[in-house]
Amino acid sequence: MPLLVSIIVPCYNQAQYLDESLQSLLDQTYTDWECFIVNDGSPDNTKEVAQQWVAKDPRFIYLYKENGGVSSARNLGIKNSKATFILTLDADDKYEATFLEKAMAVLVTNPDIGIVSSWGRFFNTDKQLHIFKSTATSVTDFLFHNGVNNGSSLFRKVCWEQVNGYDENPENGYEDWEFYLRVCNLGWKVHIIEEVLFFYRQNIGSRSAGMNQKHNTTQKYIYLKNKDIYCTHYEALIDRFLTASDLEKAAINKFRNTIDYKLGAALLKPLRSIKWFFLKLLK
């Protein structure tokens, strides 16, 4: 018997893209799903567009809330969901028709895997852009960047429950990255399907473009909120530095300047000599 998937689609000022996004769900070869279209207090015609889809197919469900950001919209949709599997999709992105079928096949046969994503392609209204190939599998892959490269993935609802959902603090503009970091820290694995099954809209007004301007502040928030995770994985952090690219070394240097090492030292007494060596490397 097929297993139900709850799909969560937050929408704020993206009504012009919503049809294309929801059509990609209607086209899925895996058909046992429900979809919550969450109107996050959008001032555009999101309600009218969403209600057309609700009338078209009873699997679409419309929810409204006051504006609170994408994390609160996702959390609301997941709280209302009936399924044990959750798929997230932003209202301006879309999936290839076989994504759900292929991703569910991974989850139901691998109990240690909590999150499934895929390779993707950036696109805009006019053309297809470059492909991104995510490679993340565990917590160390999320220490300094979003190892999945997009916020759309299929995951077990229990993962969301175990970390108390998405962080709704407005300072956390990389809510996907931080969510994956916390989930993987519990021991859950990530599986990346090595096919282009996801399409990420990239335009000047996108939320990701705006977040790039606040990148340093958001990184600092994630480091400090999850200081215990970074301390726990200190040895892995050192190993990663020794083989890191220049870009990743720059991120680790930012971490060094952000974390309170006095607190870290109390948690890392057995690693003091390694820590000293690491700090020498970073000078």
C-alpha atoms as a PDB file:
ATOM      1  CA  MET A   1       0.000   0.000   0.000  1.00  0.00           C
ATOM      2  CA  PRO A   2       1.398   3.465  -0.875  1.00  0.00           C
ATOM      3  CA  LEU A   3       2.371   5.701   2.039  1.00  0.00           C
ATOM      4  CA  LEU A   4       0.945   9.201   2.380  1.00  0.00           C
ATOM      5  CA  VAL A   5       3.246  12.195   1.874  1.00  0.00           C
ATOM      6  CA  SER A   6       2.342  15.668   3.114  1.00  0.00           C
ATOM      7  CA  ILE A   7       3.681  18.418   0.854  1.00  0.00           C
ATOM      8  CA  ILE A   8       4.124  21.891   2.368  1.00  0.00           C
ATOM      9  CA  VAL A   9       4.134  24.909   0.015  1.00  0.00           C
ATOM     10  CA  PRO A  10       4.486  28.291   1.783  1.00  0.00           C
ATOM     11  CA  CYS A  11       3.580  31.274  -0.363  1.00  0.00           C
ATOM     12  CA  TYR A  12       4.304  34.951   0.154  1.00  0.00           C
ATOM     13  CA  ASN A  13       4.159  37.300  -2.847  1.00  0.00           C
ATOM     14  CA  GLN A  14       4.766  34.434  -5.252  1.00  0.00           C
ATOM     15  CA  ALA A  15       1.279  33.873  -6.643  1.00  0.00           C
ATOM     16  CA  GLN A  16       2.581  34.413 -10.189  1.00  0.00           C
ATOM     17  CA  TYR A  17       4.695  31.241  -9.851  1.00  0.00           C
ATOM     18  CA  LEU A  18       2.314  29.112  -7.796  1.00  0.00           C
ATOM     19  CA  ASP A  19       0.537  27.454 -10.751  1.00  0.00           C
ATOM     20  CA  GLU A  20       3.805  26.145 -12.144  1.00  0.00           C
ATOM     21  CA  SER A  21       4.924  24.853  -8.756  1.00  0.00           C
ATOM     22  CA  LEU A  22       1.649  23.060  -7.990  1.00  0.00           C
ATOM     23  CA  GLN A  23       1.428  21.616 -11.489  1.00  0.00           C
ATOM     24  CA  SER A  24       4.756  19.876 -10.838  1.00  0.00           C
ATOM     25  CA  LEU A  25       3.091  18.170  -7.858  1.00  0.00           C
ATOM     26  CA  LEU A  26       0.028  17.192  -9.836  1.00  0.00           C
ATOM     27  CA  ASP A  27       2.370  15.623 -12.413  1.00  0.00           C
ATOM     28  CA  GLN A  28       4.118  13.383  -9.865  1.00  0.00           C
ATOM     29  CA  THR A  29       4.123   9.675 -10.690  1.00  0.00           C
ATOM     30  CA  TYR A  30       3.728   8.995  -6.950  1.00  0.00           C
ATOM     31  CA  THR A  31       0.145   9.998  -6.248  1.00  0.00           C
ATOM     32  CA  ASP A  32      -0.540   9.274  -2.559  1.00  0.00           C
ATOM     33  CA  TRP A  33      -0.043  12.792  -1.194  1.00  0.00           C
ATOM     34  CA  GLU A  34      -1.769  15.784   0.331  1.00  0.00           C
ATOM     35  CA  CYS A  35      -0.558  19.333  -0.258  1.00  0.00           C
ATOM     36  CA  PHE A  36      -0.908  22.242   2.169  1.00  0.00           C
ATOM     37  CA  ILE A  37      -0.702  25.604   0.399  1.00  0.00           C
ATOM     38  CA  VAL A  38       0.147  27.969   3.258  1.00  0.00           C
ATOM     39  CA  ASN A  39      -0.667  31.610   2.558  1.00  0.00           C
ATOM     40  CA  ASP A  40       1.787  33.453   4.803  1.00  0.00           C
ATOM     41  CA  GLY A  41      -0.257  36.661   4.952  1.00  0.00           C
ATOM     42  CA  SER A  42       0.533  37.422   1.328  1.00  0.00           C
ATOM     43  CA  PRO A  43      -0.905  40.711  -0.030  1.00  0.00           C
ATOM     44  CA  ASP A  44      -1.138  39.397  -3.605  1.00  0.00           C
ATOM     45  CA  ASN A  45      -3.717  37.010  -5.088  1.00  0.00           C
ATOM     46  CA  THR A  46      -2.291  33.862  -3.481  1.00  0.00           C
ATOM     47  CA  LYS A  47      -5.691  32.991  -1.995  1.00  0.00           C
ATOM     48  CA  GLU A  48      -7.478  33.088  -5.373  1.00  0.00           C
ATOM     49  CA  VAL A  49      -4.822  31.001  -7.121  1.00  0.00           C
ATOM     50  CA  ALA A  50      -4.698  28.458  -4.291  1.00  0.00           C
ATOM     51  CA  GLN A  51      -8.468  28.057  -4.167  1.00  0.00           C
ATOM     52  CA  GLN A  52      -8.526  27.207  -7.861  1.00  0.00           C
ATOM     53  CA  TRP A  53      -6.248  24.253  -7.107  1.00  0.00           C
ATOM     54  CA  VAL A  54      -8.319  23.206  -4.096  1.00  0.00           C
ATOM     55  CA  ALA A  55     -11.374  23.117  -6.382  1.00  0.00           C
ATOM     56  CA  LYS A  56      -9.429  21.142  -8.992  1.00  0.00           C
ATOM     57  CA  ASP A  57      -8.113  18.390  -6.717  1.00  0.00           C
ATOM     58  CA  PRO A  58      -9.139  17.562  -3.106  1.00  0.00           C
ATOM     59  CA  ARG A  59      -5.543  16.662  -2.255  1.00  0.00           C
ATOM     60  CA  PHE A  60      -4.786  20.411  -2.188  1.00  0.00           C
ATOM     61  CA  ILE A  61      -5.627  22.101   1.134  1.00  0.00           C
ATOM     62  CA  TYR A  62      -5.511  25.862   1.719  1.00  0.00           C
ATOM     63  CA  LEU A  63      -4.292  27.385   4.980  1.00  0.00           C
ATOM     64  CA  TYR A  64      -3.963  31.063   5.912  1.00  0.00           C
ATOM     65  CA  LYS A  65      -1.839  32.657   8.617  1.00  0.00           C
ATOM     66  CA  GLU A  66      -0.554  36.104   9.484  1.00  0.00           C
ATOM     67  CA  ASN A  67       2.854  36.818   7.967  1.00  0.00           C
ATOM     68  CA  GLY A  68       5.606  35.210  10.001  1.00  0.00           C
ATOM     69  CA  GLY A  69       8.134  33.891   7.522  1.00  0.00           C
ATOM     70  CA  VAL A  70       8.770  30.658   5.666  1.00  0.00           C
ATOM     71  CA  SER A  71       9.707  28.661   8.788  1.00  0.00           C
ATOM     72  CA  SER A  72       6.468  29.430  10.615  1.00  0.00           C
ATOM     73  CA  ALA A  73       4.492  28.664   7.446  1.00  0.00           C
ATOM     74  CA  ARG A  74       6.193  25.286   7.056  1.00  0.00           C
ATOM     75  CA  ASN A  75       5.720  24.468  10.730  1.00  0.00           C
ATOM     76  CA  LEU A  76       1.997  25.249  10.464  1.00  0.00           C
ATOM     77  CA  GLY A  77       1.599  23.006   7.437  1.00  0.00           C
ATOM     78  CA  ILE A  78       3.491  20.136   9.079  1.00  0.00           C
ATOM     79  CA  LYS A  79       1.432  20.473  12.280  1.00  0.00           C
ATOM     80  CA  ASN A  80      -1.705  19.977  10.163  1.00  0.00           C
ATOM     81  CA  SER A  81      -0.265  17.071   8.188  1.00  0.00           C
ATOM     82  CA  LYS A  82      -1.470  13.492   8.499  1.00  0.00           C
ATOM     83  CA  ALA A  83       1.544  11.789   6.944  1.00  0.00           C
ATOM     84  CA  THR A  84       4.760  10.366   8.365  1.00  0.00           C
ATOM     85  CA  PHE A  85       6.723  11.786   5.405  1.00  0.00           C
ATOM     86  CA  ILE A  86       7.069  15.500   4.632  1.00  0.00           C
ATOM     87  CA  LEU A  87       8.037  17.165   1.365  1.00  0.00           C
ATOM     88  CA  THR A  88       8.884  20.880   1.305  1.00  0.00           C
ATOM     89  CA  LEU A  89       8.602  23.053  -1.783  1.00  0.00           C
ATOM     90  CA  ASP A  90       8.812  26.821  -2.113  1.00  0.00           C
ATOM     91  CA  ALA A  91       6.069  28.387  -4.213  1.00  0.00           C
ATOM     92  CA  ASP A  92       8.425  29.478  -7.016  1.00  0.00           C
ATOM     93  CA  ASP A  93      10.276  26.158  -7.436  1.00  0.00           C
ATOM     94  CA  LYS A  94       9.240  22.812  -8.916  1.00  0.00           C
ATOM     95  CA  TYR A  95      10.001  19.095  -9.061  1.00  0.00           C
ATOM     96  CA  GLU A  96      10.581  16.687 -11.915  1.00  0.00           C
ATOM     97  CA  ALA A  97       7.680  14.242 -12.162  1.00  0.00           C
ATOM     98  CA  THR A  98       9.507  11.203 -10.715  1.00  0.00           C
ATOM     99  CA  PHE A  99      11.078  12.867  -7.670  1.00  0.00           C
ATOM    100  CA  LEU A 100       8.562  11.649  -5.087  1.00  0.00           C
ATOM    101  CA  GLU A 101       8.525   8.104  -6.441  1.00  0.00           C
ATOM    102  CA  LYS A 102      12.310   7.831  -6.367  1.00  0.00           C
ATOM    103  CA  ALA A 103      12.744   9.594  -3.012  1.00  0.00           C
ATOM    104  CA  MET A 104      10.091   7.480  -1.275  1.00  0.00           C
ATOM    105  CA  ALA A 105      11.774   4.322  -2.547  1.00  0.00           C
ATOM    106  CA  VAL A 106      14.918   5.406  -0.708  1.00  0.00           C
ATOM    107  CA  LEU A 107      13.195   6.245   2.597  1.00  0.00           C
ATOM    108  CA  VAL A 108      11.046   3.120   2.871  1.00  0.00           C
ATOM    109  CA  THR A 109      14.025   0.789   2.321  1.00  0.00           C
ATOM    110  CA  ASN A 110      16.624   2.643   4.433  1.00  0.00           C
ATOM    111  CA  PRO A 111      15.548   3.257   8.044  1.00  0.00           C
ATOM    112  CA  ASP A 112      18.753   5.155   8.893  1.00  0.00           C
ATOM    113  CA  ILE A 113      18.099   7.792   6.213  1.00  0.00           C
ATOM    114  CA  GLY A 114      16.034  10.744   7.387  1.00  0.00           C
ATOM    115  CA  ILE A 115      16.334  13.158   4.461  1.00  0.00           C
ATOM    116  CA  VAL A 116      16.313  12.645   0.688  1.00  0.00           C
ATOM    117  CA  SER A 117      17.169  15.312  -1.855  1.00  0.00           C
ATOM    118  CA  SER A 118      18.564  15.326  -5.387  1.00  0.00           C
ATOM    119  CA  TRP A 119      20.714  17.194  -7.815  1.00  0.00           C
ATOM    120  CA  GLY A 120      19.017  20.291  -9.135  1.00  0.00           C
ATOM    121  CA  ARG A 121      19.114  22.974 -11.751  1.00  0.00           C
ATOM    122  CA  PHE A 122      18.789  26.709 -11.347  1.00  0.00           C
ATOM    123  CA  PHE A 123      16.368  28.343 -13.755  1.00  0.00           C
ATOM    124  CA  ASN A 124      14.579  31.590 -14.398  1.00  0.00           C
ATOM    125  CA  THR A 125      11.642  32.569 -16.559  1.00  0.00           C
ATOM    126  CA  ASP A 126      13.733  32.685 -19.722  1.00  0.00           C
ATOM    127  CA  LYS A 127      16.194  29.806 -19.546  1.00  0.00           C
ATOM    128  CA  GLN A 128      17.709  26.838 -17.746  1.00  0.00           C
ATOM    129  CA  LEU A 129      20.833  27.727 -15.779  1.00  0.00           C
ATOM    130  CA  HIS A 130      23.615  25.634 -14.239  1.00  0.00           C
ATOM    131  CA  ILE A 131      23.228  22.324 -12.398  1.00  0.00           C
ATOM    132  CA  PHE A 132      24.126  21.931  -8.713  1.00  0.00           C
ATOM    133  CA  LYS A 133      25.209  18.548  -7.375  1.00  0.00           C
ATOM    134  CA  SER A 134      24.710  18.174  -3.644  1.00  0.00           C
ATOM    135  CA  THR A 135      26.914  15.611  -1.878  1.00  0.00           C
ATOM    136  CA  ALA A 136      25.988  15.849   1.840  1.00  0.00           C
ATOM    137  CA  THR A 137      25.455  12.638   3.815  1.00  0.00           C
ATOM    138  CA  SER A 138      26.028  13.459   7.515  1.00  0.00           C
ATOM    139  CA  VAL A 139      26.380  16.229  10.100  1.00  0.00           C
ATOM    140  CA  THR A 140      29.958  17.218   9.215  1.00  0.00           C
ATOM    141  CA  ASP A 141      28.792  18.126   5.717  1.00  0.00           C
ATOM    142  CA  PHE A 142      26.530  20.806   7.230  1.00  0.00           C
ATOM    143  CA  LEU A 143      28.970  22.486   9.612  1.00  0.00           C
ATOM    144  CA  PHE A 144      29.748  25.448   7.355  1.00  0.00           C
ATOM    145  CA  HIS A 145      27.235  25.453   4.541  1.00  0.00           C
ATOM    146  CA  ASN A 146      24.001  23.875   3.371  1.00  0.00           C
ATOM    147  CA  GLY A 147      25.247  20.577   2.032  1.00  0.00           C
ATOM    148  CA  VAL A 148      21.962  19.968   0.231  1.00  0.00           C
ATOM    149  CA  ASN A 149      22.101  23.314  -1.638  1.00  0.00           C
ATOM    150  CA  ASN A 150      18.359  23.811  -1.600  1.00  0.00           C
ATOM    151  CA  GLY A 151      15.511  23.859   0.882  1.00  0.00           C
ATOM    152  CA  SER A 152      13.381  21.280  -0.871  1.00  0.00           C
ATOM    153  CA  SER A 153      13.636  17.726   0.382  1.00  0.00           C
ATOM    154  CA  LEU A 154      11.634  14.722   1.501  1.00  0.00           C
ATOM    155  CA  PHE A 155      12.107  13.807   5.160  1.00  0.00           C
ATOM    156  CA  ARG A 156      10.555  11.795   7.942  1.00  0.00           C
ATOM    157  CA  LYS A 157       8.144  13.749  10.113  1.00  0.00           C
ATOM    158  CA  VAL A 158       9.835  12.257  13.163  1.00  0.00           C
ATOM    159  CA  CYS A 159      13.000  14.197  12.224  1.00  0.00           C
ATOM    160  CA  TRP A 160      11.020  17.439  12.389  1.00  0.00           C
ATOM    161  CA  GLU A 161       9.479  16.379  15.702  1.00  0.00           C
ATOM    162  CA  GLN A 162      12.832  15.455  17.255  1.00  0.00           C
ATOM    163  CA  VAL A 163      14.332  18.913  16.594  1.00  0.00           C
ATOM    164  CA  ASN A 164      11.124  20.827  17.439  1.00  0.00           C
ATOM    165  CA  GLY A 165      10.576  21.987  13.877  1.00  0.00           C
ATOM    166  CA  TYR A 166      12.104  24.784  11.875  1.00  0.00           C
ATOM    167  CA  ASP A 167      13.620  27.701  13.767  1.00  0.00           C
ATOM    168  CA  GLU A 168      11.172  30.621  13.401  1.00  0.00           C
ATOM    169  CA  ASN A 169      13.613  33.293  14.604  1.00  0.00           C
ATOM    170  CA  PRO A 170      13.811  35.947  11.838  1.00  0.00           C
ATOM    171  CA  GLU A 171      17.600  36.125  12.348  1.00  0.00           C
ATOM    172  CA  ASN A 172      17.867  32.602  10.938  1.00  0.00           C
ATOM    173  CA  GLY A 173      17.544  33.191   7.214  1.00  0.00           C
ATOM    174  CA  TYR A 174      19.185  29.831   6.462  1.00  0.00           C
ATOM    175  CA  GLU A 175      16.497  27.804   8.185  1.00  0.00           C
ATOM    176  CA  ASP A 176      17.013  24.821   5.853  1.00  0.00           C
ATOM    177  CA  TRP A 177      20.728  24.566   6.520  1.00  0.00           C
ATOM    178  CA  GLU A 178      20.236  24.826  10.279  1.00  0.00           C
ATOM    179  CA  PHE A 179      17.369  22.314  10.220  1.00  0.00           C
ATOM    180  CA  TYR A 180      19.492  19.754   8.355  1.00  0.00           C
ATOM    181  CA  LEU A 181      22.402  20.375  10.743  1.00  0.00           C
ATOM    182  CA  ARG A 182      20.257  19.632  13.798  1.00  0.00           C
ATOM    183  CA  VAL A 183      18.580  16.589  12.231  1.00  0.00           C
ATOM    184  CA  CYS A 184      21.884  15.030  11.153  1.00  0.00           C
ATOM    185  CA  ASN A 185      23.395  15.719  14.564  1.00  0.00           C
ATOM    186  CA  LEU A 186      20.897  13.177  15.924  1.00  0.00           C
ATOM    187  CA  GLY A 187      22.436  10.516  13.681  1.00  0.00           C
ATOM    188  CA  TRP A 188      20.073  10.680  10.699  1.00  0.00           C
ATOM    189  CA  LYS A 189      21.687  10.315   7.271  1.00  0.00           C
ATOM    190  CA  VAL A 190      21.048  12.197   4.042  1.00  0.00           C
ATOM    191  CA  HIS A 191      20.695  10.545   0.649  1.00  0.00           C
ATOM    192  CA  ILE A 192      21.218  12.510  -2.561  1.00  0.00           C
ATOM    193  CA  ILE A 193      19.636  11.119  -5.714  1.00  0.00           C
ATOM    194  CA  GLU A 194      22.221  11.757  -8.430  1.00  0.00           C
ATOM    195  CA  GLU A 195      19.738  13.026 -10.995  1.00  0.00           C
ATOM    196  CA  VAL A 196      18.385  16.491 -11.762  1.00  0.00           C
ATOM    197  CA  LEU A 197      14.938  16.173 -10.175  1.00  0.00           C
ATOM    198  CA  PHE A 198      14.539  19.635  -8.676  1.00  0.00           C
ATOM    199  CA  PHE A 199      14.351  23.087 -10.294  1.00  0.00           C
ATOM    200  CA  TYR A 200      15.277  26.155  -8.246  1.00  0.00           C
ATOM    201  CA  ARG A 201      14.058  29.498  -9.559  1.00  0.00           C
ATOM    202  CA  GLN A 202      16.725  32.168  -9.425  1.00  0.00           C
ATOM    203  CA  ASN A 203      15.818  35.784  -9.934  1.00  0.00           C
ATOM    204  CA  ILE A 204      16.861  39.181  -8.605  1.00  0.00           C
ATOM    205  CA  GLY A 205      13.986  39.361  -6.151  1.00  0.00           C
ATOM    206  CA  SER A 206      14.361  35.874  -4.710  1.00  0.00           C
ATOM    207  CA  ARG A 207      14.654  35.299  -0.985  1.00  0.00           C
ATOM    208  CA  SER A 208      18.038  33.575  -1.418  1.00  0.00           C
ATOM    209  CA  ALA A 209      19.456  36.609  -3.213  1.00  0.00           C
ATOM    210  CA  GLY A 210      18.439  38.797  -0.296  1.00  0.00           C
ATOM    211  CA  MET A 211      19.959  36.371   2.195  1.00  0.00           C
ATOM    212  CA  ASN A 212      23.362  36.597   0.527  1.00  0.00           C
ATOM    213  CA  GLN A 213      23.545  40.191   1.737  1.00  0.00           C
ATOM    214  CA  LYS A 214      23.132  39.020   5.364  1.00  0.00           C
ATOM    215  CA  HIS A 215      25.305  35.927   5.064  1.00  0.00           C
ATOM    216  CA  ASN A 216      27.833  36.708   7.826  1.00  0.00           C
ATOM    217  CA  THR A 217      25.205  37.683  10.389  1.00  0.00           C
ATOM    218  CA  THR A 218      23.193  34.553   9.708  1.00  0.00           C
ATOM    219  CA  GLN A 219      26.250  32.306   9.909  1.00  0.00           C
ATOM    220  CA  LYS A 220      27.081  33.780  13.299  1.00  0.00           C
ATOM    221  CA  TYR A 221      23.544  33.103  14.531  1.00  0.00           C
ATOM    222  CA  ILE A 222      23.744  29.441  13.467  1.00  0.00           C
ATOM    223  CA  TYR A 223      27.206  28.925  15.006  1.00  0.00           C
ATOM    224  CA  LEU A 224      26.230  30.400  18.363  1.00  0.00           C
ATOM    225  CA  LYS A 225      22.833  28.699  18.565  1.00  0.00           C
ATOM    226  CA  ASN A 226      24.398  25.294  17.827  1.00  0.00           C
ATOM    227  CA  LYS A 227      27.673  25.737  19.672  1.00  0.00           C
ATOM    228  CA  ASP A 228      27.341  22.313  21.277  1.00  0.00           C
ATOM    229  CA  ILE A 229      27.235  20.650  17.847  1.00  0.00           C
ATOM    230  CA  TYR A 230      30.413  22.405  16.718  1.00  0.00           C
ATOM    231  CA  CYS A 231      32.204  21.528  19.948  1.00  0.00           C
ATOM    232  CA  THR A 232      31.137  17.886  19.702  1.00  0.00           C
ATOM    233  CA  HIS A 233      32.506  17.653  16.172  1.00  0.00           C
ATOM    234  CA  TYR A 234      35.717  19.542  16.855  1.00  0.00           C
ATOM    235  CA  GLU A 235      37.989  16.722  15.709  1.00  0.00           C
ATOM    236  CA  ALA A 236      36.024  16.351  12.488  1.00  0.00           C
ATOM    237  CA  LEU A 237      36.276  20.110  12.054  1.00  0.00           C
ATOM    238  CA  ILE A 238      40.071  19.885  12.314  1.00  0.00           C
ATOM    239  CA  ASP A 239      40.246  17.049   9.801  1.00  0.00           C
ATOM    240  CA  ARG A 240      38.017  19.009   7.477  1.00  0.00           C
ATOM    241  CA  PHE A 241      40.245  22.070   7.719  1.00  0.00           C
ATOM    242  CA  LEU A 242      43.329  20.076   6.720  1.00  0.00           C
ATOM    243  CA  THR A 243      41.700  19.088   3.417  1.00  0.00           C
ATOM    244  CA  ALA A 244      39.427  22.095   2.930  1.00  0.00           C
ATOM    245  CA  SER A 245      39.191  24.361  -0.070  1.00  0.00           C
ATOM    246  CA  ASP A 246      40.120  28.019   0.322  1.00  0.00           C
ATOM    247  CA  LEU A 247      36.429  28.901   0.463  1.00  0.00           C
ATOM    248  CA  GLU A 248      35.738  26.438   3.258  1.00  0.00           C
ATOM    249  CA  LYS A 249      38.858  27.534   5.168  1.00  0.00           C
ATOM    250  CA  ALA A 250      37.480  31.055   5.098  1.00  0.00           C
ATOM    251  CA  ALA A 251      34.236  29.769   6.636  1.00  0.00           C
ATOM    252  CA  ILE A 252      36.156  27.921   9.348  1.00  0.00           C
ATOM    253  CA  ASN A 253      38.113  31.085  10.119  1.00  0.00           C
ATOM    254  CA  LYS A 254      34.803  32.897  10.587  1.00  0.00           C
ATOM    255  CA  PHE A 255      33.800  30.135  12.975  1.00  0.00           C
ATOM    256  CA  ARG A 256      37.001  30.634  14.946  1.00  0.00           C
ATOM    257  CA  ASN A 257      36.228  34.324  15.349  1.00  0.00           C
ATOM    258  CA  THR A 258      32.603  33.654  16.294  1.00  0.00           C
ATOM    259  CA  ILE A 259      32.625  30.854  18.865  1.00  0.00           C
ATOM    260  CA  ASP A 260      33.421  31.549  22.528  1.00  0.00           C
ATOM    261  CA  TYR A 261      36.496  29.350  22.927  1.00  0.00           C
ATOM    262  CA  LYS A 262      36.540  29.718  26.697  1.00  0.00           C
ATOM    263  CA  LEU A 263      33.257  27.838  26.847  1.00  0.00           C
ATOM    264  CA  GLY A 264      34.496  25.435  24.200  1.00  0.00           C
ATOM    265  CA  ALA A 265      37.590  24.620  26.267  1.00  0.00           C
ATOM    266  CA  ALA A 266      35.464  23.446  29.194  1.00  0.00           C
ATOM    267  CA  LEU A 267      33.756  20.969  26.899  1.00  0.00           C
ATOM    268  CA  LEU A 268      36.914  19.896  25.114  1.00  0.00           C
ATOM    269  CA  LYS A 269      39.490  19.156  27.845  1.00  0.00           C
ATOM    270  CA  PRO A 270      40.532  15.866  26.215  1.00  0.00           C
ATOM    271  CA  LEU A 271      41.209  17.714  22.975  1.00  0.00           C
ATOM    272  CA  ARG A 272      43.243  20.641  24.321  1.00  0.00           C
ATOM    273  CA  SER A 273      46.451  19.624  22.554  1.00  0.00           C
ATOM    274  CA  ILE A 274      44.561  19.126  19.281  1.00  0.00           C
ATOM    275  CA  LYS A 275      42.795  22.429  19.790  1.00  0.00           C
ATOM    276  CA  TRP A 276      46.125  24.200  20.308  1.00  0.00           C
ATOM    277  CA  PHE A 277      47.418  22.659  17.091  1.00  0.00           C
ATOM    278  CA  PHE A 278      44.269  23.700  15.247  1.00  0.00           C
ATOM    279  CA  LEU A 279      44.496  27.296  16.449  1.00  0.00           C
ATOM    280  CA  LYS A 280      48.119  27.428  15.330  1.00  0.00           C
ATOM    281  CA  LEU A 281      47.002  26.306  11.890  1.00  0.00           C
ATOM    282  CA  LEU A 282      44.438  29.079  11.726  1.00  0.00           C
ATOM    283  CA  LYS A 283      46.876  31.910  12.542  1.00  0.00           C
END
